[in-house]
Amino acid sequence: MQLIAGRTGQEYNLRKQRRGAFWEDRYHATAVDRDGYLARCMVYINLNMVRAGAVSHPGQWEVSGFREIRQPPMRYRIIDLEELQRLLDVDGLDRLQKTLAGWTESAMQHPEMKRDPAWSESVAVGNPEFLEAFQSSASHLRHREISAADGICSLHENQSPYDASSAYKIGHLRGENRIFLGNNQ
């Protein structure tokens, strides 16, 4: 994931002839339960660049999971489409493409496509049994509480600065490294 994130940032900076940080904060991984949780996570990720104002539809973002599923490349695939079909219990690539497009279009109809901490700050998202099993497998998470909001159960880890000497907390960047995406550029 770090390689993909790094390449995405480099390509964007080259294309826009800019320097500096592309991503808001360091790489963050979230364990996701399968079935409905995985589907909701995929839709949330599909809408990241729409929320940021970079594109009006996920299909316009060239390097995205949405686009790779809709138009699978012949070489250098990142997504294992057969495994994804199995995890989502969908038969066939055509059905996967139509289902994902339908979920995404439906989510775009909601006027508030805001950032959701359940997906962006959680250590794990899923049903309570999945979260309890995940929690028991990681000793540093055993005393964290499983929370539920908007029908999503998640397990959070405490937020902390990058390091003790840093003046910037996670989610904050120096002004010269910020780029505002949207219509008011």
Protein backbone atom coordinates (compact mmCIF):
# COMPACT_ATOMS: atom_id res chain seq x y z
CA MET A 1 0.00 0.00 0.00
CA GLN A 2 2.84 2.40 0.77
CA LEU A 3 4.26 1.83 -2.72
CA ILE A 4 0.89 2.52 -4.35
CA ALA A 5 0.30 5.60 -2.20
CA GLY A 6 3.80 6.90 -2.96
CA ARG A 7 3.42 6.40 -6.70
CA THR A 8 0.00 8.07 -6.70
CA GLY A 9 1.44 11.13 -4.94
CA GLN A 10 4.45 11.30 -7.25
CA GLU A 11 2.31 11.03 -10.40
CA TYR A 12 -0.09 13.72 -9.19
CA ASN A 13 2.76 16.07 -8.26
CA LEU A 14 4.40 15.54 -11.67
CA ARG A 15 1.13 16.14 -13.51
CA LYS A 16 0.36 19.30 -11.52
CA GLN A 17 4.00 20.46 -11.43
CA ARG A 18 3.99 20.76 -7.66
CA ARG A 19 6.09 19.52 -4.75
CA GLY A 20 5.30 18.46 -1.23
CA ALA A 21 2.99 16.09 0.56
CA PHE A 22 0.10 14.62 -1.37
CA TRP A 23 -1.54 12.62 1.40
CA GLU A 24 -2.86 14.32 4.52
CA ASP A 25 -1.22 11.94 6.96
CA ARG A 26 0.78 8.75 7.14
CA TYR A 27 -0.49 5.47 5.76
CA HIS A 28 -3.27 4.01 7.88
CA ALA A 29 -4.54 0.45 7.53
CA THR A 30 -7.98 -0.68 8.67
CA ALA A 31 -8.96 -4.34 8.95
CA VAL A 32 -12.37 -4.79 7.33
CA ASP A 33 -14.85 -7.61 7.76
CA ARG A 34 -16.15 -9.15 4.56
CA ASP A 35 -19.57 -8.98 2.90
CA GLY A 36 -21.48 -5.77 3.59
CA TYR A 37 -18.65 -4.10 5.47
CA LEU A 38 -16.21 -4.66 2.63
CA ALA A 39 -18.75 -3.32 0.14
CA ARG A 40 -19.35 -0.17 2.23
CA CYS A 41 -15.60 0.34 2.62
CA MET A 42 -15.07 0.09 -1.14
CA VAL A 43 -17.79 2.66 -1.81
CA TYR A 44 -16.31 4.98 0.82
CA ILE A 45 -12.88 4.72 -0.82
CA ASN A 46 -14.40 5.20 -4.28
CA LEU A 47 -15.81 8.54 -3.13
CA ASN A 48 -12.57 9.88 -1.59
CA MET A 49 -11.60 12.01 -4.59
CA VAL A 50 -15.20 13.16 -5.04
CA ARG A 51 -15.26 14.30 -1.40
CA ALA A 52 -11.94 16.07 -1.94
CA GLY A 53 -13.37 17.93 -4.94
CA ALA A 54 -10.77 16.52 -7.35
CA VAL A 55 -13.39 14.84 -9.57
CA SER A 56 -17.16 14.78 -9.82
CA HIS A 57 -17.32 11.00 -10.32
CA PRO A 58 -14.97 8.20 -9.13
CA GLY A 59 -14.56 6.95 -12.71
CA GLN A 60 -12.75 10.19 -13.57
CA TRP A 61 -9.89 9.41 -11.17
CA GLU A 62 -7.43 7.52 -13.33
CA VAL A 63 -5.69 5.50 -10.63
CA SER A 64 -8.55 4.14 -8.56
CA GLY A 65 -10.03 0.84 -7.51
CA PHE A 66 -13.34 1.89 -9.03
CA ARG A 67 -11.71 2.39 -12.41
CA GLU A 68 -9.59 -0.78 -12.18
CA ILE A 69 -12.70 -2.87 -11.50
CA ARG A 70 -14.71 -1.15 -14.25
CA GLN A 71 -11.85 -1.29 -16.80
CA PRO A 72 -9.43 -4.01 -15.66
CA PRO A 73 -5.94 -3.50 -17.09
CA MET A 74 -4.38 -6.31 -19.08
CA ARG A 75 -1.15 -6.04 -17.06
CA TYR A 76 -0.08 -4.81 -13.64
CA ARG A 77 -3.36 -5.44 -11.89
CA ILE A 78 -3.52 -4.47 -8.25
CA ILE A 79 -6.91 -5.95 -7.39
CA ASP A 80 -7.48 -9.70 -7.35
CA LEU A 81 -10.88 -9.59 -9.02
CA GLU A 82 -11.66 -13.27 -8.51
CA GLU A 83 -10.96 -13.01 -4.76
CA LEU A 84 -13.01 -9.83 -4.54
CA GLN A 85 -15.94 -11.58 -6.22
CA ARG A 86 -15.64 -14.39 -3.69
CA LEU A 87 -15.46 -12.03 -0.71
CA LEU A 88 -18.49 -10.07 -1.89
CA ASP A 89 -20.36 -13.22 -2.94
CA VAL A 90 -20.83 -11.91 -6.49
CA ASP A 91 -20.77 -14.24 -9.52
CA GLY A 92 -18.76 -12.94 -12.46
CA LEU A 93 -16.84 -9.81 -13.33
CA ASP A 94 -19.77 -8.24 -15.17
CA ARG A 95 -21.99 -8.62 -12.10
CA LEU A 96 -19.22 -7.22 -9.85
CA GLN A 97 -18.83 -4.17 -12.12
CA LYS A 98 -22.56 -3.47 -12.23
CA THR A 99 -23.00 -4.02 -8.49
CA LEU A 100 -20.10 -1.73 -7.57
CA ALA A 101 -21.33 0.96 -9.97
CA GLY A 102 -24.82 0.73 -8.47
CA TRP A 103 -23.56 1.00 -4.89
CA THR A 104 -21.38 3.97 -5.80
CA GLU A 105 -24.10 5.80 -7.73
CA SER A 106 -26.50 5.27 -4.84
CA ALA A 107 -23.98 6.68 -2.34
CA MET A 108 -23.39 9.72 -4.57
CA GLN A 109 -27.08 10.62 -4.29
CA HIS A 110 -26.65 11.45 -0.59
CA PRO A 111 -26.08 15.19 -0.19
CA GLU A 112 -23.64 14.66 2.68
CA MET A 113 -20.70 12.59 1.48
CA LYS A 114 -18.56 13.59 4.42
CA ARG A 115 -15.46 11.99 5.84
CA ASP A 116 -16.35 9.16 8.23
CA PRO A 117 -13.97 8.39 11.10
CA ALA A 118 -15.26 4.80 11.18
CA TRP A 119 -13.40 4.20 7.91
CA SER A 120 -10.54 6.68 8.20
CA GLU A 121 -9.51 6.33 11.85
CA SER A 122 -10.51 2.82 12.90
CA VAL A 123 -8.17 -0.07 13.42
CA ALA A 124 -10.94 -2.48 12.41
CA VAL A 125 -14.50 -2.30 11.07
CA GLY A 126 -16.98 -5.15 11.01
CA ASN A 127 -19.55 -7.11 12.95
CA PRO A 128 -18.99 -7.40 16.72
CA GLU A 129 -17.72 -10.99 16.50
CA PHE A 130 -15.11 -9.99 13.89
CA LEU A 131 -14.01 -7.03 16.02
CA GLU A 132 -13.77 -9.12 19.20
CA ALA A 133 -11.63 -11.71 17.42
CA PHE A 134 -9.43 -8.96 15.94
CA GLN A 135 -9.16 -7.27 19.31
CA SER A 136 -8.13 -10.45 21.11
CA SER A 137 -5.42 -11.10 18.51
CA ALA A 138 -3.73 -7.73 19.19
CA SER A 139 -2.73 -7.26 22.82
CA HIS A 140 -2.47 -3.46 22.56
CA LEU A 141 -6.14 -3.28 21.55
CA ARG A 142 -7.62 -5.48 24.29
CA HIS A 143 -8.82 -2.55 26.40
CA ARG A 144 -10.27 -0.51 23.54
CA GLU A 145 -14.04 -0.28 23.28
CA ILE A 146 -15.98 -1.37 20.24
CA SER A 147 -18.23 1.49 19.18
CA ALA A 148 -21.17 1.73 16.80
CA ALA A 149 -22.32 4.75 14.81
CA ASP A 150 -24.56 4.95 11.74
CA GLY A 151 -24.83 1.16 11.60
CA ILE A 152 -21.04 0.66 11.50
CA CYS A 153 -19.23 -1.14 14.32
CA SER A 154 -15.58 -0.19 14.71
CA LEU A 155 -12.56 -0.46 16.95
CA HIS A 156 -10.42 2.66 17.37
CA GLU A 157 -6.86 3.12 18.52
CA ASN A 158 -5.89 6.31 20.34
CA GLN A 159 -4.72 9.09 18.05
CA SER A 160 -1.24 10.42 18.72
CA PRO A 161 1.25 12.82 17.14
CA TYR A 162 3.78 11.55 14.63
CA ASP A 163 6.39 11.86 17.33
CA ALA A 164 6.80 13.64 20.65
CA SER A 165 8.81 16.52 19.17
CA SER A 166 6.43 17.26 16.31
CA ALA A 167 4.27 20.36 16.51
CA TYR A 168 1.84 18.82 14.03
CA LYS A 169 -0.75 16.27 15.03
CA ILE A 170 -2.09 13.70 12.61
CA GLY A 171 -4.33 15.45 10.11
CA HIS A 172 -2.35 18.70 10.04
CA LEU A 173 0.20 19.72 7.44
CA ARG A 174 2.34 22.79 7.00
CA GLY A 175 0.57 25.41 4.91
CA GLU A 176 3.07 25.26 2.05
CA ASN A 177 2.30 21.58 1.52
CA ARG A 178 -1.45 21.97 1.30
CA ILE A 179 -3.36 21.96 -1.93
CA PHE A 180 -7.02 22.80 -2.02
CA LEU A 181 -9.00 20.70 -4.43
CA GLY A 182 -12.29 22.06 -5.59
CA ASN A 183 -13.98 24.74 -7.61
CA ASN A 184 -12.59 27.67 -5.64
CA GLN A 185 -8.94 27.27 -6.66
